[in-house]
Structure formats: structure tokens, C-alpha cells
C-alpha atoms as a PDB file:
ATOM      1  CA  MET A   1      -0.305  -0.085   0.241  1.00  0.00           C
ATOM      2  CA  PRO A   2       1.578   3.110  -0.795  1.00  0.00           C
ATOM      3  CA  ILE A   3       0.378   5.348   2.253  1.00  0.00           C
ATOM      4  CA  ASP A   4      -0.048   3.620   5.450  1.00  0.00           C
ATOM      5  CA  PRO A   5      -1.116   6.341   7.992  1.00  0.00           C
ATOM      6  CA  GLY A   6      -0.601   3.875  10.905  1.00  0.00           C
ATOM      7  CA  VAL A   7       2.777   4.549   9.815  1.00  0.00           C
ATOM      8  CA  ALA A   8       3.388   7.940   8.145  1.00  0.00           C
ATOM      9  CA  LEU A   9       1.060  10.308  10.452  1.00  0.00           C
ATOM     10  CA  GLY A  10       3.365  12.267  12.984  1.00  0.00           C
ATOM     11  CA  ALA A  11       6.351  10.193  11.514  1.00  0.00           C
ATOM     12  CA  VAL A  12       9.814  12.542  11.998  1.00  0.00           C
ATOM     13  CA  VAL A  13      11.040  12.208   7.750  1.00  0.00           C
ATOM     14  CA  ALA A  14      14.213  13.773   8.305  1.00  0.00           C
ATOM     15  CA  LYS A  15      16.801  15.583  10.822  1.00  0.00           C
ATOM     16  CA  GLU A  16      19.186  17.443   8.940  1.00  0.00           C
ATOM     17  CA  THR A  17      21.914  19.788   9.464  1.00  0.00           C
ATOM     18  CA  PHE A  18      23.098  21.868   6.355  1.00  0.00           C
ATOM     19  CA  SER A  19      24.840  24.888   5.291  1.00  0.00           C
ATOM     20  CA  TRP A  20      24.528  28.143   2.738  1.00  0.00           C
ATOM     21  CA  ASN A  21      26.756  31.143   1.832  1.00  0.00           C
ATOM     22  CA  ALA A  22      26.239  33.842  -0.060  1.00  0.00           C
ATOM     23  CA  SER A  23      26.975  32.074  -3.392  1.00  0.00           C
ATOM     24  CA  ASP A  24      24.381  29.995  -2.786  1.00  0.00           C
ATOM     25  CA  VAL A  25      22.053  32.981  -1.907  1.00  0.00           C
ATOM     26  CA  ALA A  26      22.680  34.998  -4.688  1.00  0.00           C
ATOM     27  CA  LEU A  27      22.202  31.728  -7.741  1.00  0.00           C
ATOM     28  CA  TYR A  28      18.512  31.511  -5.727  1.00  0.00           C
ATOM     29  CA  ASN A  29      18.055  35.341  -6.121  1.00  0.00           C
ATOM     30  CA  LEU A  30      19.058  34.515  -9.787  1.00  0.00           C
ATOM     31  CA  ALA A  31      16.664  31.536 -10.236  1.00  0.00           C
ATOM     32  CA  VAL A  32      13.780  34.140  -9.415  1.00  0.00           C
ATOM     33  CA  GLY A  33      14.583  36.716 -11.471  1.00  0.00           C
ATOM     34  CA  ALA A  34      16.814  38.917  -9.907  1.00  0.00           C
ATOM     35  CA  GLY A  35      19.877  40.765 -11.855  1.00  0.00           C
ATOM     36  CA  ALA A  36      17.374  41.056 -15.343  1.00  0.00           C
ATOM     37  CA  ASP A  37      18.779  44.770 -15.192  1.00  0.00           C
ATOM     38  CA  PRO A  38      22.428  44.320 -14.680  1.00  0.00           C
ATOM     39  CA  LEU A  39      22.447  48.037 -14.387  1.00  0.00           C
ATOM     40  CA  ASP A  40      19.919  48.204 -11.380  1.00  0.00           C
ATOM     41  CA  ALA A  41      21.396  48.890  -8.403  1.00  0.00           C
ATOM     42  CA  ALA A  42      18.423  47.909  -6.577  1.00  0.00           C
ATOM     43  CA  GLY A  43      18.654  44.594  -8.508  1.00  0.00           C
ATOM     44  CA  LEU A  44      22.186  44.320  -7.726  1.00  0.00           C
ATOM     45  CA  GLU A  45      21.989  44.026  -3.685  1.00  0.00           C
ATOM     46  CA  TYR A  46      20.594  40.571  -4.443  1.00  0.00           C
ATOM     47  CA  LEU A  47      23.795  39.552  -5.811  1.00  0.00           C
ATOM     48  CA  ASP A  48      26.334  41.028  -3.663  1.00  0.00           C
ATOM     49  CA  ASP A  49      29.958  38.916  -3.335  1.00  0.00           C
ATOM     50  CA  ARG A  50      29.627  38.628   0.809  1.00  0.00           C
ATOM     51  CA  ARG A  51      25.781  40.247   1.970  1.00  0.00           C
ATOM     52  CA  PRO A  52      23.494  39.347  -1.046  1.00  0.00           C
ATOM     53  CA  LYS A  53      19.536  39.803   0.218  1.00  0.00           C
ATOM     54  CA  VAL A  54      17.967  37.001   1.342  1.00  0.00           C
ATOM     55  CA  LEU A  55      14.423  36.407   0.245  1.00  0.00           C
ATOM     56  CA  PRO A  56      12.049  34.110   3.137  1.00  0.00           C
ATOM     57  CA  ALA A  57      11.687  31.847   0.002  1.00  0.00           C
ATOM     58  CA  PHE A  58      15.186  30.507   0.108  1.00  0.00           C
ATOM     59  CA  ALA A  59      14.176  28.744   2.939  1.00  0.00           C
ATOM     60  CA  THR A  60      12.393  26.354   0.904  1.00  0.00           C
ATOM     61  CA  VAL A  61      15.493  25.388  -0.740  1.00  0.00           C
ATOM     62  CA  ALA A  62      18.135  25.932   1.928  1.00  0.00           C
ATOM     63  CA  ALA A  63      18.476  22.333   3.001  1.00  0.00           C
ATOM     64  CA  HIS A  64      18.693  20.489   0.066  1.00  0.00           C
ATOM     65  CA  PHE A  65      20.080  23.395  -2.431  1.00  0.00           C
ATOM     66  CA  HIS A  66      23.246  21.177  -3.425  1.00  0.00           C
ATOM     67  CA  GLU A  67      21.371  18.101  -4.374  1.00  0.00           C
ATOM     68  CA  THR A  68      21.940  17.029  -7.759  1.00  0.00           C
ATOM     69  CA  GLU A  69      19.258  13.543  -7.775  1.00  0.00           C
ATOM     70  CA  PRO A  70      15.932  13.904  -8.414  1.00  0.00           C
ATOM     71  CA  PRO A  71      13.655  13.710  -5.695  1.00  0.00           C
ATOM     72  CA  LYS A  72      11.653  10.792  -4.426  1.00  0.00           C
ATOM     73  CA  VAL A  73       8.717  10.162  -2.688  1.00  0.00           C
ATOM     74  CA  SER A  74      10.121   7.777  -0.130  1.00  0.00           C
ATOM     75  CA  LYS A  75       8.680   8.816   3.731  1.00  0.00           C
ATOM     76  CA  PRO A  76       8.085   6.555   6.371  1.00  0.00           C
ATOM     77  CA  GLY A  77       4.915   4.485   5.440  1.00  0.00           C
ATOM     78  CA  ILE A  78       4.715   6.476   1.995  1.00  0.00           C
ATOM     79  CA  GLU A  79       6.016   5.059  -1.348  1.00  0.00           C
ATOM     80  CA  ILE A  80       4.607   6.909  -4.721  1.00  0.00           C
ATOM     81  CA  ASP A  81       5.859   7.720  -7.801  1.00  0.00           C
ATOM     82  CA  LEU A  82       7.202  11.021  -8.657  1.00  0.00           C
ATOM     83  CA  GLY A  83       5.154  11.514 -11.717  1.00  0.00           C
ATOM     84  CA  SER A  84       1.987  11.128  -9.551  1.00  0.00           C
ATOM     85  CA  VAL A  85       3.206  13.822  -7.516  1.00  0.00           C
ATOM     86  CA  VAL A  86       2.688  17.991  -7.886  1.00  0.00           C
ATOM     87  CA  HIS A  87       3.318  20.545  -5.144  1.00  0.00           C
ATOM     88  CA  GLY A  88       0.318  21.586  -3.599  1.00  0.00           C
ATOM     89  CA  ALA A  89       1.014  24.409  -1.010  1.00  0.00           C
ATOM     90  CA  GLN A  90       4.361  26.193   0.515  1.00  0.00           C
ATOM     91  CA  GLU A  91       4.100  28.758   3.484  1.00  0.00           C
ATOM     92  CA  VAL A  92       7.121  30.142   4.910  1.00  0.00           C
ATOM     93  CA  GLN A  93       7.482  32.111   8.186  1.00  0.00           C
ATOM     94  CA  VAL A  94      10.988  33.837   9.051  1.00  0.00           C
ATOM     95  CA  HIS A  95      11.130  33.716  12.936  1.00  0.00           C
ATOM     96  CA  LYS A  96      14.337  36.165  12.198  1.00  0.00           C
ATOM     97  CA  PRO A  97      16.274  37.617   9.414  1.00  0.00           C
ATOM     98  CA  ILE A  98      17.828  34.855   7.240  1.00  0.00           C
ATOM     99  CA  PRO A  99      21.759  35.637   7.354  1.00  0.00           C
ATOM    100  CA  ALA A 100      23.852  35.343   3.509  1.00  0.00           C
ATOM    101  CA  GLU A 101      25.813  32.467   5.241  1.00  0.00           C
ATOM    102  CA  GLY A 102      24.934  30.040   8.119  1.00  0.00           C
ATOM    103  CA  THR A 103      23.995  26.455   9.672  1.00  0.00           C
ATOM    104  CA  ALA A 104      21.117  25.236  10.510  1.00  0.00           C
ATOM    105  CA  THR A 105      19.169  22.303  11.497  1.00  0.00           C
ATOM    106  CA  THR A 106      15.964  21.345  10.289  1.00  0.00           C
ATOM    107  CA  THR A 107      13.076  18.848  11.636  1.00  0.00           C
ATOM    108  CA  THR A 108      10.113  17.722   9.120  1.00  0.00           C
ATOM    109  CA  THR A 109       7.340  15.852  10.290  1.00  0.00           C
ATOM    110  CA  ILE A 110       4.063  14.510   8.414  1.00  0.00           C
ATOM    111  CA  VAL A 111       1.835  16.276  10.082  1.00  0.00           C
ATOM    112  CA  GLU A 112      -1.331  15.971   8.185  1.00  0.00           C
ATOM    113  CA  LEU A 113      -3.196  13.260   5.785  1.00  0.00           C
ATOM    114  CA  GLN A 114      -5.718  14.299   3.314  1.00  0.00           C
ATOM    115  CA  ASP A 115      -8.060  11.533   1.814  1.00  0.00           C
ATOM    116  CA  LYS A 116      -9.792  13.042  -1.493  1.00  0.00           C
ATOM    117  CA  GLY A 117     -10.761   9.782  -2.656  1.00  0.00           C
ATOM    118  CA  SER A 118      -9.096   9.617  -5.848  1.00  0.00           C
ATOM    119  CA  ALA A 119      -6.164  11.498  -4.489  1.00  0.00           C
ATOM    120  CA  ALA A 120      -3.874  12.278  -1.266  1.00  0.00           C
ATOM    121  CA  VAL A 121      -2.357  14.843   0.246  1.00  0.00           C
ATOM    122  CA  ILE A 122       0.494  14.787   2.389  1.00  0.00           C
ATOM    123  CA  VAL A 123       1.350  17.897   4.811  1.00  0.00           C
ATOM    124  CA  GLU A 124       4.574  18.070   6.588  1.00  0.00           C
ATOM    125  CA  GLU A 125       6.033  20.887   8.466  1.00  0.00           C
ATOM    126  CA  SER A 126       9.776  21.682   9.064  1.00  0.00           C
ATOM    127  CA  SER A 127      11.175  23.652  12.191  1.00  0.00           C
ATOM    128  CA  THR A 128      14.453  25.288  11.458  1.00  0.00           C
ATOM    129  CA  VAL A 129      16.985  26.534  14.114  1.00  0.00           C
ATOM    130  CA  ASP A 130      20.521  28.201  13.611  1.00  0.00           C
ATOM    131  CA  ASP A 131      23.692  26.414  15.161  1.00  0.00           C
ATOM    132  CA  SER A 132      22.789  28.496  18.324  1.00  0.00           C
ATOM    133  CA  GLY A 133      19.128  26.389  19.004  1.00  0.00           C
ATOM    134  CA  GLU A 134      17.448  29.827  17.852  1.00  0.00           C
ATOM    135  CA  PRO A 135      14.309  29.462  15.365  1.00  0.00           C
ATOM    136  CA  LEU A 136      15.111  30.495  12.108  1.00  0.00           C
ATOM    137  CA  TRP A 137      11.988  29.801  10.520  1.00  0.00           C
ATOM    138  CA  THR A 138       9.253  27.052  10.171  1.00  0.00           C
ATOM    139  CA  ALA A 139       7.997  25.990   6.838  1.00  0.00           C
ATOM    140  CA  ARG A 140       4.575  24.105   6.187  1.00  0.00           C
ATOM    141  CA  SER A 141       4.594  22.125   2.482  1.00  0.00           C
ATOM    142  CA  SER A 142       1.865  19.928   1.051  1.00  0.00           C
ATOM    143  CA  ILE A 143       1.867  17.855  -2.398  1.00  0.00           C
ATOM    144  CA  PHE A 144      -1.016  16.209  -4.167  1.00  0.00           C
ATOM    145  CA  CYS A 145      -0.425  12.446  -4.974  1.00  0.00           C
ATOM    146  CA  LYS A 146      -2.960  11.441  -7.669  1.00  0.00           C
ATOM    147  CA  GLY A 147      -4.211   8.003  -7.432  1.00  0.00           C
ATOM    148  CA  GLU A 148      -3.294   7.397  -3.993  1.00  0.00           C
ATOM    149  CA  GLY A 149      -6.658   8.455  -2.017  1.00  0.00           C
ATOM    150  CA  GLY A 150      -9.202   5.594  -0.407  1.00  0.00           C
ATOM    151  CA  PHE A 151      -6.972   5.097   2.579  1.00  0.00           C
ATOM    152  CA  GLY A 152      -9.443   5.780   4.885  1.00  0.00           C
ATOM    153  CA  GLY A 153      -8.117   9.167   5.500  1.00  0.00           C
ATOM    154  CA  GLU A 154      -9.799  12.584   6.551  1.00  0.00           C
ATOM    155  CA  ARG A 155     -10.738  14.664   3.736  1.00  0.00           C
ATOM    156  CA  GLY A 156      -9.559  17.707   5.168  1.00  0.00           C
ATOM    157  CA  THR A 157     -10.645  21.286   5.658  1.00  0.00           C
ATOM    158  CA  SER A 158     -10.681  24.232   3.015  1.00  0.00           C
ATOM    159  CA  ASP A 159      -8.563  27.403   4.130  1.00  0.00           C
ATOM    160  CA  LYS A 160      -9.721  29.082   1.235  1.00  0.00           C
ATOM    161  CA  VAL A 161      -8.566  32.901   1.371  1.00  0.00           C
ATOM    162  CA  THR A 162     -11.107  35.338   1.220  1.00  0.00           C
ATOM    163  CA  TYR A 163     -10.226  38.319  -1.320  1.00  0.00           C
ATOM    164  CA  PRO A 164     -11.915  42.212  -1.036  1.00  0.00           C
ATOM    165  CA  ASP A 165     -14.941  42.577  -3.297  1.00  0.00           C
ATOM    166  CA  ARG A 166     -13.012  45.534  -5.159  1.00  0.00           C
ATOM    167  CA  GLU A 167     -10.554  46.095  -8.121  1.00  0.00           C
ATOM    168  CA  PRO A 168      -6.969  44.935  -6.673  1.00  0.00           C
ATOM    169  CA  ASP A 169      -4.656  48.134  -5.266  1.00  0.00           C
ATOM    170  CA  HIS A 170      -1.861  47.232  -7.581  1.00  0.00           C
ATOM    171  CA  VAL A 171      -1.295  44.839 -10.860  1.00  0.00           C
ATOM    172  CA  ILE A 172       2.173  44.141 -11.480  1.00  0.00           C
ATOM    173  CA  GLU A 173       3.376  42.164 -14.499  1.00  0.00           C
ATOM    174  CA  GLU A 174       6.900  40.241 -14.457  1.00  0.00           C
ATOM    175  CA  LYS A 175       8.007  38.132 -17.621  1.00  0.00           C
ATOM    176  CA  THR A 176       9.780  34.954 -16.603  1.00  0.00           C
ATOM    177  CA  LEU A 177      12.874  34.045 -18.409  1.00  0.00           C
ATOM    178  CA  PRO A 178      12.946  30.788 -21.238  1.00  0.00           C
ATOM    179  CA  GLN A 179      15.518  29.242 -19.106  1.00  0.00           C
ATOM    180  CA  GLN A 180      13.728  30.076 -16.092  1.00  0.00           C
ATOM    181  CA  ALA A 181      13.418  26.027 -15.191  1.00  0.00           C
ATOM    182  CA  LEU A 182      17.119  25.544 -16.162  1.00  0.00           C
ATOM    183  CA  LEU A 183      18.396  28.333 -13.746  1.00  0.00           C
ATOM    184  CA  TYR A 184      15.994  26.833 -10.584  1.00  0.00           C
ATOM    185  CA  ARG A 185      16.781  23.139 -10.564  1.00  0.00           C
ATOM    186  CA  LEU A 186      20.481  24.552 -10.070  1.00  0.00           C
ATOM    187  CA  CYS A 187      19.089  25.263  -6.449  1.00  0.00           C
ATOM    188  CA  GLY A 188      18.327  21.946  -5.477  1.00  0.00           C
ATOM    189  CA  ASP A 189      15.441  20.502  -7.329  1.00  0.00           C
ATOM    190  CA  ARG A 190      16.700  18.501 -10.216  1.00  0.00           C
ATOM    191  CA  ASN A 191      12.793  16.804 -11.057  1.00  0.00           C
ATOM    192  CA  PRO A 192      13.103  16.205 -14.962  1.00  0.00           C
ATOM    193  CA  LEU A 193       9.462  17.375 -15.603  1.00  0.00           C
ATOM    194  CA  HIS A 194      11.518  20.798 -15.368  1.00  0.00           C
ATOM    195  CA  SER A 195      14.168  20.273 -17.801  1.00  0.00           C
ATOM    196  CA  ASP A 196      13.554  17.099 -20.024  1.00  0.00           C
ATOM    197  CA  PRO A 197      11.233  17.363 -22.727  1.00  0.00           C
ATOM    198  CA  ALA A 198      10.579  13.637 -22.969  1.00  0.00           C
ATOM    199  CA  PHE A 199       9.555  13.560 -19.118  1.00  0.00           C
ATOM    200  CA  ALA A 200       7.262  16.565 -19.796  1.00  0.00           C
ATOM    201  CA  GLU A 201       5.722  15.342 -22.353  1.00  0.00           C
ATOM    202  CA  LYS A 202       5.289  12.164 -20.713  1.00  0.00           C
ATOM    203  CA  ALA A 203       3.608  13.512 -17.870  1.00  0.00           C
ATOM    204  CA  GLY A 204       0.869  15.134 -20.049  1.00  0.00           C
ATOM    205  CA  PHE A 205       2.855  18.510 -20.824  1.00  0.00           C
ATOM    206  CA  PRO A 206       4.063  20.045 -24.048  1.00  0.00           C
ATOM    207  CA  ARG A 207       7.140  21.024 -22.823  1.00  0.00           C
ATOM    208  CA  PRO A 208       9.139  21.582 -19.329  1.00  0.00           C
ATOM    209  CA  ILE A 209       7.204  23.474 -17.064  1.00  0.00           C
ATOM    210  CA  LEU A 210       8.881  25.770 -14.264  1.00  0.00           C
ATOM    211  CA  HIS A 211       8.938  24.640 -10.933  1.00  0.00           C
ATOM    212  CA  GLY A 212       6.229  25.891  -8.610  1.00  0.00           C
ATOM    213  CA  LEU A 213       8.266  27.088  -6.392  1.00  0.00           C
ATOM    214  CA  GLY A 214      10.226  29.003  -8.924  1.00  0.00           C
ATOM    215  CA  THR A 215       7.061  30.863  -9.210  1.00  0.00           C
ATOM    216  CA  TYR A 216       6.499  31.038  -5.718  1.00  0.00           C
ATOM    217  CA  GLY A 217      10.138  33.102  -5.155  1.00  0.00           C
ATOM    218  CA  ILE A 218       9.847  34.957  -8.557  1.00  0.00           C
ATOM    219  CA  VAL A 219       6.511  36.730  -6.897  1.00  0.00           C
ATOM    220  CA  LEU A 220       7.726  36.837  -3.504  1.00  0.00           C
ATOM    221  CA  ARG A 221      10.884  38.839  -5.091  1.00  0.00           C
ATOM    222  CA  THR A 222       8.493  40.873  -7.324  1.00  0.00           C
ATOM    223  CA  VAL A 223       6.235  42.066  -4.445  1.00  0.00           C
ATOM    224  CA  VAL A 224       9.154  43.337  -2.221  1.00  0.00           C
ATOM    225  CA  ASP A 225      10.934  45.126  -4.886  1.00  0.00           C
ATOM    226  CA  GLN A 226       7.795  46.825  -5.802  1.00  0.00           C
ATOM    227  CA  LEU A 227       5.825  47.180  -2.672  1.00  0.00           C
ATOM    228  CA  LEU A 228       7.830  46.676  -0.011  1.00  0.00           C
ATOM    229  CA  ASP A 229      10.980  48.798  -0.923  1.00  0.00           C
ATOM    230  CA  GLY A 230      12.887  46.105  -1.568  1.00  0.00           C
ATOM    231  CA  ASP A 231      13.292  45.405   1.919  1.00  0.00           C
ATOM    232  CA  VAL A 232      13.209  41.503   2.518  1.00  0.00           C
ATOM    233  CA  GLU A 233      13.175  41.810   6.178  1.00  0.00           C
ATOM    234  CA  ARG A 234       9.634  43.204   6.282  1.00  0.00           C
ATOM    235  CA  VAL A 235       8.248  39.814   5.207  1.00  0.00           C
ATOM    236  CA  ALA A 236       6.958  37.436   8.180  1.00  0.00           C
ATOM    237  CA  SER A 237       5.570  35.085   6.361  1.00  0.00           C
ATOM    238  CA  TYR A 238       4.548  33.828   2.884  1.00  0.00           C
ATOM    239  CA  GLY A 239       2.318  31.374   1.530  1.00  0.00           C
ATOM    240  CA  ALA A 240       0.338  30.323  -1.333  1.00  0.00           C
ATOM    241  CA  LYS A 241      -1.164  27.683  -3.221  1.00  0.00           C
ATOM    242  CA  PHE A 242      -0.382  26.283  -6.593  1.00  0.00           C
ATOM    243  CA  ALA A 243      -3.196  26.681  -9.078  1.00  0.00           C
ATOM    244  CA  GLY A 244      -1.834  26.051 -12.375  1.00  0.00           C
ATOM    245  CA  ILE A 245       1.393  25.706 -14.441  1.00  0.00           C
ATOM    246  CA  VAL A 246       3.997  28.152 -15.916  1.00  0.00           C
ATOM    247  CA  PHE A 247       5.715  27.796 -18.540  1.00  0.00           C
ATOM    248  CA  PRO A 248       9.189  29.502 -18.823  1.00  0.00           C
ATOM    249  CA  GLY A 249       9.103  32.954 -20.723  1.00  0.00           C
ATOM    250  CA  GLU A 250       5.826  33.240 -19.679  1.00  0.00           C
ATOM    251  CA  THR A 251       4.167  36.830 -18.277  1.00  0.00           C
ATOM    252  CA  LEU A 252       3.212  36.452 -14.503  1.00  0.00           C
ATOM    253  CA  ARG A 253      -0.197  39.177 -13.738  1.00  0.00           C
ATOM    254  CA  ILE A 254       0.568  39.536  -9.989  1.00  0.00           C
ATOM    255  CA  LYS A 255      -2.761  41.486  -8.427  1.00  0.00           C
ATOM    256  CA  VAL A 256      -2.258  42.487  -4.911  1.00  0.00           C
ATOM    257  CA  TRP A 257      -4.870  43.712  -2.197  1.00  0.00           C
ATOM    258  CA  GLU A 258      -4.269  45.275   0.891  1.00  0.00           C
ATOM    259  CA  ASP A 259      -5.444  44.355   3.754  1.00  0.00           C
ATOM    260  CA  ASP A 260      -4.064  45.816   6.896  1.00  0.00           C
ATOM    261  CA  SER A 261      -0.884  43.628   7.377  1.00  0.00           C
ATOM    262  CA  ARG A 262      -1.112  41.383   4.601  1.00  0.00           C
ATOM    263  CA  LEU A 263      -0.980  41.454   1.159  1.00  0.00           C
ATOM    264  CA  LEU A 264      -3.493  39.006  -0.634  1.00  0.00           C
ATOM    265  CA  ILE A 265      -2.335  38.052  -4.000  1.00  0.00           C
ATOM    266  CA  THR A 266      -3.392  36.192  -7.510  1.00  0.00           C
ATOM    267  CA  VAL A 267      -0.852  35.202 -10.219  1.00  0.00           C
ATOM    268  CA  SER A 268      -2.419  34.294 -13.228  1.00  0.00           C
ATOM    269  CA  VAL A 269      -0.456  34.209 -16.846  1.00  0.00           C
ATOM    270  CA  VAL A 270      -0.611  36.650 -19.349  1.00  0.00           C
ATOM    271  CA  GLU A 271      -0.376  34.522 -22.194  1.00  0.00           C
ATOM    272  CA  ARG A 272      -2.986  32.531 -21.486  1.00  0.00           C
ATOM    273  CA  ASP A 273      -6.088  34.107 -20.607  1.00  0.00           C
ATOM    274  CA  ASP A 274      -4.918  34.811 -16.925  1.00  0.00           C
ATOM    275  CA  SER A 275      -4.934  30.976 -16.821  1.00  0.00           C
ATOM    276  CA  PRO A 276      -4.311  30.963 -12.575  1.00  0.00           C
ATOM    277  CA  ALA A 277      -0.830  29.978 -11.536  1.00  0.00           C
ATOM    278  CA  LEU A 278      -0.669  31.121  -7.722  1.00  0.00           C
ATOM    279  CA  GLY A 279      -3.955  31.610  -5.778  1.00  0.00           C
ATOM    280  CA  ASN A 280      -4.736  31.900  -1.556  1.00  0.00           C
ATOM    281  CA  VAL A 281      -1.282  33.986  -1.997  1.00  0.00           C
ATOM    282  CA  VAL A 282      -0.984  35.351   1.089  1.00  0.00           C
ATOM    283  CA  LEU A 283       2.084  37.819   2.366  1.00  0.00           C
ATOM    284  CA  THR A 284       2.189  39.308   6.359  1.00  0.00           C
ATOM    285  CA  LYS A 285       3.890  42.333   6.723  1.00  0.00           C
ATOM    286  CA  ARG A 286       6.139  43.172   9.793  1.00  0.00           C
END
């Protein structure tokens, strides 16, 4: 049985210690679109040799930044083929600014299993502390597993974001690069869905798609630059659901509603009649 809830639920998936440096951060920033204008001084702050700005979304790749093998969905009580899995949602809460270099330890636990009947949703939570034991960030991630439901679990509740009944306060367009996925895969996600045309076609796509977390990072950087004066430390938390696909080279339309300390955001693809890319996007400001 691919999912054994008696074994999986509450299981510690991993406890791992890892390090990163300024070059890793700069590469991540390039992978999410920083430095598109090499004469823009503000953009170059993301690529500083010693102290590049660190987006909170860097937390999603920091632990596995140097991995070169495709990921596997092999966890306690869970064995699922990678081809049947898509990223469902991602959230990061930052407890203090992430330094440009450091060492940290992450503990990841399976905290929820949702049985959707024809599919399953696996929710993991990761708590990360620095080398002195102080909390750095907490991340929550879910994956949607086609054909893996029916194991007898709870269906799960909806946490849909309610958007204001008015036009957005800001509309921003951000074009991705044709090679965006090839850059992003260097941040530790070597899933061939994003680089191998034959694999992508077998999975039902006409060509490789951009990593969902790539879109996630691009949107965060764009909003920070456009609406938060480029100050990455103003982001307390940032979460989104992955609502659709983005092909590298397409343009993102980012709609933003201001809601007290929150920015409520939707993301769609301009070239495909505003096909959804990210939904339920909430950025909480400090």
C-alpha cells in the first residue's frame, strides 16, 4: 500500500544539518529573476558577493540546495511514484532575518494526511533552528498525489482566502526567462519535469514547466521590490497554493490587495488568458 497512515502520520521524515553561503543565496536570487537589469543598483543588492539580500523563500531550498539527484517520494509509510505528484501549497514563517551564510538544522514531520478519494494530500512541517538553537523559520508544505487516495483518512478542511470585493490595489506584470527552470533546478530540485522535454511530454505537458516554487519565489521577489521598497526583512510570512502551471518565458500577472498587515495576491499567466498560476497567496508584513 503506497500510504500507510498508521506509520506515516506524525513520523519524522528527516532531521538534517546543512550550511549555505552567499554564492548559494545569489544563485537562488538569479533563479527567481533578480539581476534581470544588470544596471539596476537595487537589483544588484541580491547578487552581492558577501551580503546578498536573502528572500524568505530561500528557506524552501536551503536544506537541499546542493542535491543533484531527482527527488523521491519515499517517506515512512509512503512510497509514491514521482510522476503522480505535484506540489500543492507552501508557506514559510520567518522568525528572524535569514543570514547570507550560516548553518542550521531542520526537523521535518508529517503532520497531516488528507484522503480526497481519488488522490491524497500529504502535509509536512519543517522547523529550522540556527547553530545556536534559535528558531530561524518554520515551513509547511503539501503535495498532491494523484491516484493515492482511499486509505481511509480524513478529507481535510478548506482554508480558502477571501479576497476583497473590489479591484486590486496593484497589478504588476513580471516576465519569466525562457531558461528560468534551468536556472532554478540548480537550487536543488532536479525533477526532470522541469528540464527534460521527453519526461514532460510523458507527464502530459507539451514542454517542461517552471517549478512551482520558482514561481513562488519570483512573485515574492517582485512584490518585495515593487511594494516593500526591496526590504526582505519586512516579510513575516508568505504562503501560496499552486493553482496551475507556468511555462518558462511566460508573463505573470500579479494582482495585490492591501489588507492591513497583509497583502492578498493572485497570480495568473498573461499569455494564456490569465490562466491561474498561484492562488490563496498571503504575505504578512512586519
